[in-house]
Amino acid sequence: MNTAEFNTTKVGAAAPQPEPEPFDQFQSDVLIQVIVGLRKEWREERDEAIAPLKAEIAELKGKLDAVAELKGKVDTLLTLLQGDKAEVIGLPQKCNSDAA
């Protein structure tokens, strides 16, 4: 085999030049400022949109705590009223005639 077949560079060809930077320093700084500003604006919009949801969640948690407290009181009251006879009372079965 001829060594010339493996030579892929042309004689006298210029070396490849490095890629130029896409932005100069000023453009990079401006892009950074725009990105930071947009992220801040989006964060504020997101927080503003989420605020009512957080308030509703807090309200629902308060209601859930109240229901849990009432359930505990009802359980205690039933235990006191029934004494040793405390048992689960089943609901009546639904009849087919009730379906209409």
C-alpha atoms as a PDB file:
ATOM      1  CA  MET A   1       0.000   0.000   0.000  1.00  0.00           C
ATOM      2  CA  ASN A   2       1.054   3.467  -0.758  1.00  0.00           C
ATOM      3  CA  THR A   3       1.418   5.830   2.225  1.00  0.00           C
ATOM      4  CA  ALA A   4       0.008   8.653   0.097  1.00  0.00           C
ATOM      5  CA  GLU A   5      -3.407   6.958   0.192  1.00  0.00           C
ATOM      6  CA  PHE A   6      -3.605   7.430   3.969  1.00  0.00           C
ATOM      7  CA  ASN A   7      -2.601  11.082   3.930  1.00  0.00           C
ATOM      8  CA  THR A   8      -5.864  13.044   4.267  1.00  0.00           C
ATOM      9  CA  THR A   9      -4.418  16.569   4.492  1.00  0.00           C
ATOM     10  CA  LYS A  10      -3.551  18.405   1.358  1.00  0.00           C
ATOM     11  CA  VAL A  11      -0.115  19.805   1.041  1.00  0.00           C
ATOM     12  CA  GLY A  12      -0.190  23.563   1.526  1.00  0.00           C
ATOM     13  CA  ALA A  13      -3.711  23.556   3.062  1.00  0.00           C
ATOM     14  CA  ALA A  14      -4.280  26.090   5.848  1.00  0.00           C
ATOM     15  CA  ALA A  15      -4.850  24.840   9.382  1.00  0.00           C
ATOM     16  CA  PRO A  16      -8.492  25.057  10.513  1.00  0.00           C
ATOM     17  CA  GLN A  17      -9.324  28.312  12.261  1.00  0.00           C
ATOM     18  CA  PRO A  18     -11.025  28.284  15.671  1.00  0.00           C
ATOM     19  CA  GLU A  19     -14.725  29.158  15.680  1.00  0.00           C
ATOM     20  CA  PRO A  20     -15.344  32.802  16.547  1.00  0.00           C
ATOM     21  CA  GLU A  21     -17.267  33.493  19.763  1.00  0.00           C
ATOM     22  CA  PRO A  22     -20.991  33.930  19.008  1.00  0.00           C
ATOM     23  CA  PHE A  23     -21.284  37.030  21.249  1.00  0.00           C
ATOM     24  CA  ASP A  24     -18.853  39.649  22.449  1.00  0.00           C
ATOM     25  CA  GLN A  25     -18.613  40.470  26.188  1.00  0.00           C
ATOM     26  CA  PHE A  26     -21.152  43.339  26.016  1.00  0.00           C
ATOM     27  CA  GLN A  27     -23.728  41.156  24.260  1.00  0.00           C
ATOM     28  CA  SER A  28     -23.158  38.373  26.777  1.00  0.00           C
ATOM     29  CA  ASP A  29     -23.682  40.790  29.673  1.00  0.00           C
ATOM     30  CA  VAL A  30     -26.905  42.108  28.127  1.00  0.00           C
ATOM     31  CA  LEU A  31     -28.215  38.564  27.592  1.00  0.00           C
ATOM     32  CA  ILE A  32     -27.395  37.686  31.199  1.00  0.00           C
ATOM     33  CA  GLN A  33     -29.301  40.740  32.450  1.00  0.00           C
ATOM     34  CA  VAL A  34     -32.306  39.916  30.269  1.00  0.00           C
ATOM     35  CA  ILE A  35     -32.356  36.291  31.449  1.00  0.00           C
ATOM     36  CA  VAL A  36     -32.066  37.299  35.115  1.00  0.00           C
ATOM     37  CA  GLY A  37     -34.854  39.869  34.677  1.00  0.00           C
ATOM     38  CA  LEU A  38     -37.155  37.385  32.939  1.00  0.00           C
ATOM     39  CA  ARG A  39     -36.582  34.722  35.586  1.00  0.00           C
ATOM     40  CA  LYS A  40     -37.400  37.241  38.327  1.00  0.00           C
ATOM     41  CA  GLU A  41     -40.577  38.320  36.508  1.00  0.00           C
ATOM     42  CA  TRP A  42     -41.667  34.711  35.924  1.00  0.00           C
ATOM     43  CA  ARG A  43     -40.965  33.806  39.575  1.00  0.00           C
ATOM     44  CA  GLU A  44     -43.120  36.731  40.740  1.00  0.00           C
ATOM     45  CA  GLU A  45     -45.946  35.750  38.365  1.00  0.00           C
ATOM     46  CA  ARG A  46     -45.762  32.138  39.524  1.00  0.00           C
ATOM     47  CA  ASP A  47     -45.781  33.116  43.201  1.00  0.00           C
ATOM     48  CA  GLU A  48     -48.728  35.435  42.563  1.00  0.00           C
ATOM     49  CA  ALA A  49     -50.653  32.625  40.855  1.00  0.00           C
ATOM     50  CA  ILE A  50     -49.830  30.102  43.588  1.00  0.00           C
ATOM     51  CA  ALA A  51     -50.738  32.363  46.544  1.00  0.00           C
ATOM     52  CA  PRO A  52     -54.525  31.730  46.383  1.00  0.00           C
ATOM     53  CA  LEU A  53     -53.908  27.989  46.110  1.00  0.00           C
ATOM     54  CA  LYS A  54     -51.678  28.030  49.189  1.00  0.00           C
ATOM     55  CA  ALA A  55     -54.369  29.961  51.091  1.00  0.00           C
ATOM     56  CA  GLU A  56     -57.023  27.428  50.050  1.00  0.00           C
ATOM     57  CA  ILE A  57     -54.792  24.530  51.100  1.00  0.00           C
ATOM     58  CA  ALA A  58     -54.263  26.136  54.516  1.00  0.00           C
ATOM     59  CA  GLU A  59     -58.037  26.609  54.898  1.00  0.00           C
ATOM     60  CA  LEU A  60     -58.720  22.986  53.936  1.00  0.00           C
ATOM     61  CA  LYS A  61     -56.071  21.754  56.379  1.00  0.00           C
ATOM     62  CA  GLY A  62     -57.795  23.739  59.128  1.00  0.00           C
ATOM     63  CA  LYS A  63     -61.154  22.183  58.219  1.00  0.00           C
ATOM     64  CA  LEU A  64     -59.614  18.724  58.133  1.00  0.00           C
ATOM     65  CA  ASP A  65     -58.131  19.245  61.597  1.00  0.00           C
ATOM     66  CA  ALA A  66     -61.567  20.336  62.860  1.00  0.00           C
ATOM     67  CA  VAL A  67     -63.216  17.235  61.362  1.00  0.00           C
ATOM     68  CA  ALA A  68     -60.558  14.981  62.907  1.00  0.00           C
ATOM     69  CA  GLU A  69     -61.104  16.639  66.289  1.00  0.00           C
ATOM     70  CA  LEU A  70     -64.888  16.178  66.011  1.00  0.00           C
ATOM     71  CA  LYS A  71     -64.443  12.534  65.034  1.00  0.00           C
ATOM     72  CA  GLY A  72     -62.327  11.983  68.119  1.00  0.00           C
ATOM     73  CA  LYS A  73     -65.002  13.586  70.283  1.00  0.00           C
ATOM     74  CA  VAL A  74     -67.760  11.488  68.678  1.00  0.00           C
ATOM     75  CA  ASP A  75     -65.721   8.303  69.186  1.00  0.00           C
ATOM     76  CA  THR A  76     -65.187   9.211  72.832  1.00  0.00           C
ATOM     77  CA  LEU A  77     -68.859  10.044  73.327  1.00  0.00           C
ATOM     78  CA  LEU A  78     -69.988   6.773  71.731  1.00  0.00           C
ATOM     79  CA  THR A  79     -67.594   4.818  73.910  1.00  0.00           C
ATOM     80  CA  LEU A  80     -68.904   6.550  77.034  1.00  0.00           C
ATOM     81  CA  LEU A  81     -72.545   6.026  76.057  1.00  0.00           C
ATOM     82  CA  GLN A  82     -72.173   2.388  75.055  1.00  0.00           C
ATOM     83  CA  GLY A  83     -69.707   1.337  77.727  1.00  0.00           C
ATOM     84  CA  ASP A  84     -68.607  -2.252  77.249  1.00  0.00           C
ATOM     85  CA  LYS A  85     -71.232  -2.801  74.551  1.00  0.00           C
ATOM     86  CA  ALA A  86     -69.403  -0.610  72.018  1.00  0.00           C
ATOM     87  CA  GLU A  87     -69.635  -2.201  68.600  1.00  0.00           C
ATOM     88  CA  VAL A  88     -69.757  -1.135  64.997  1.00  0.00           C
ATOM     89  CA  ILE A  89     -73.299  -0.587  63.756  1.00  0.00           C
ATOM     90  CA  GLY A  90     -73.733  -1.585  60.126  1.00  0.00           C
ATOM     91  CA  LEU A  91     -75.827   0.373  57.661  1.00  0.00           C
ATOM     92  CA  PRO A  92     -78.936  -1.286  56.242  1.00  0.00           C
ATOM     93  CA  GLN A  93     -78.557  -2.956  52.858  1.00  0.00           C
ATOM     94  CA  LYS A  94     -79.865  -1.036  49.893  1.00  0.00           C
ATOM     95  CA  CYS A  95     -82.940  -2.643  48.362  1.00  0.00           C
ATOM     96  CA  ASN A  96     -83.383  -2.962  44.602  1.00  0.00           C
ATOM     97  CA  SER A  97     -86.631  -0.990  44.859  1.00  0.00           C
ATOM     98  CA  ASP A  98     -84.613   1.980  46.227  1.00  0.00           C
ATOM     99  CA  ALA A  99     -82.631   2.215  42.998  1.00  0.00           C
ATOM    100  CA  ALA A 100     -85.428   4.043  41.150  1.00  0.00           C
END
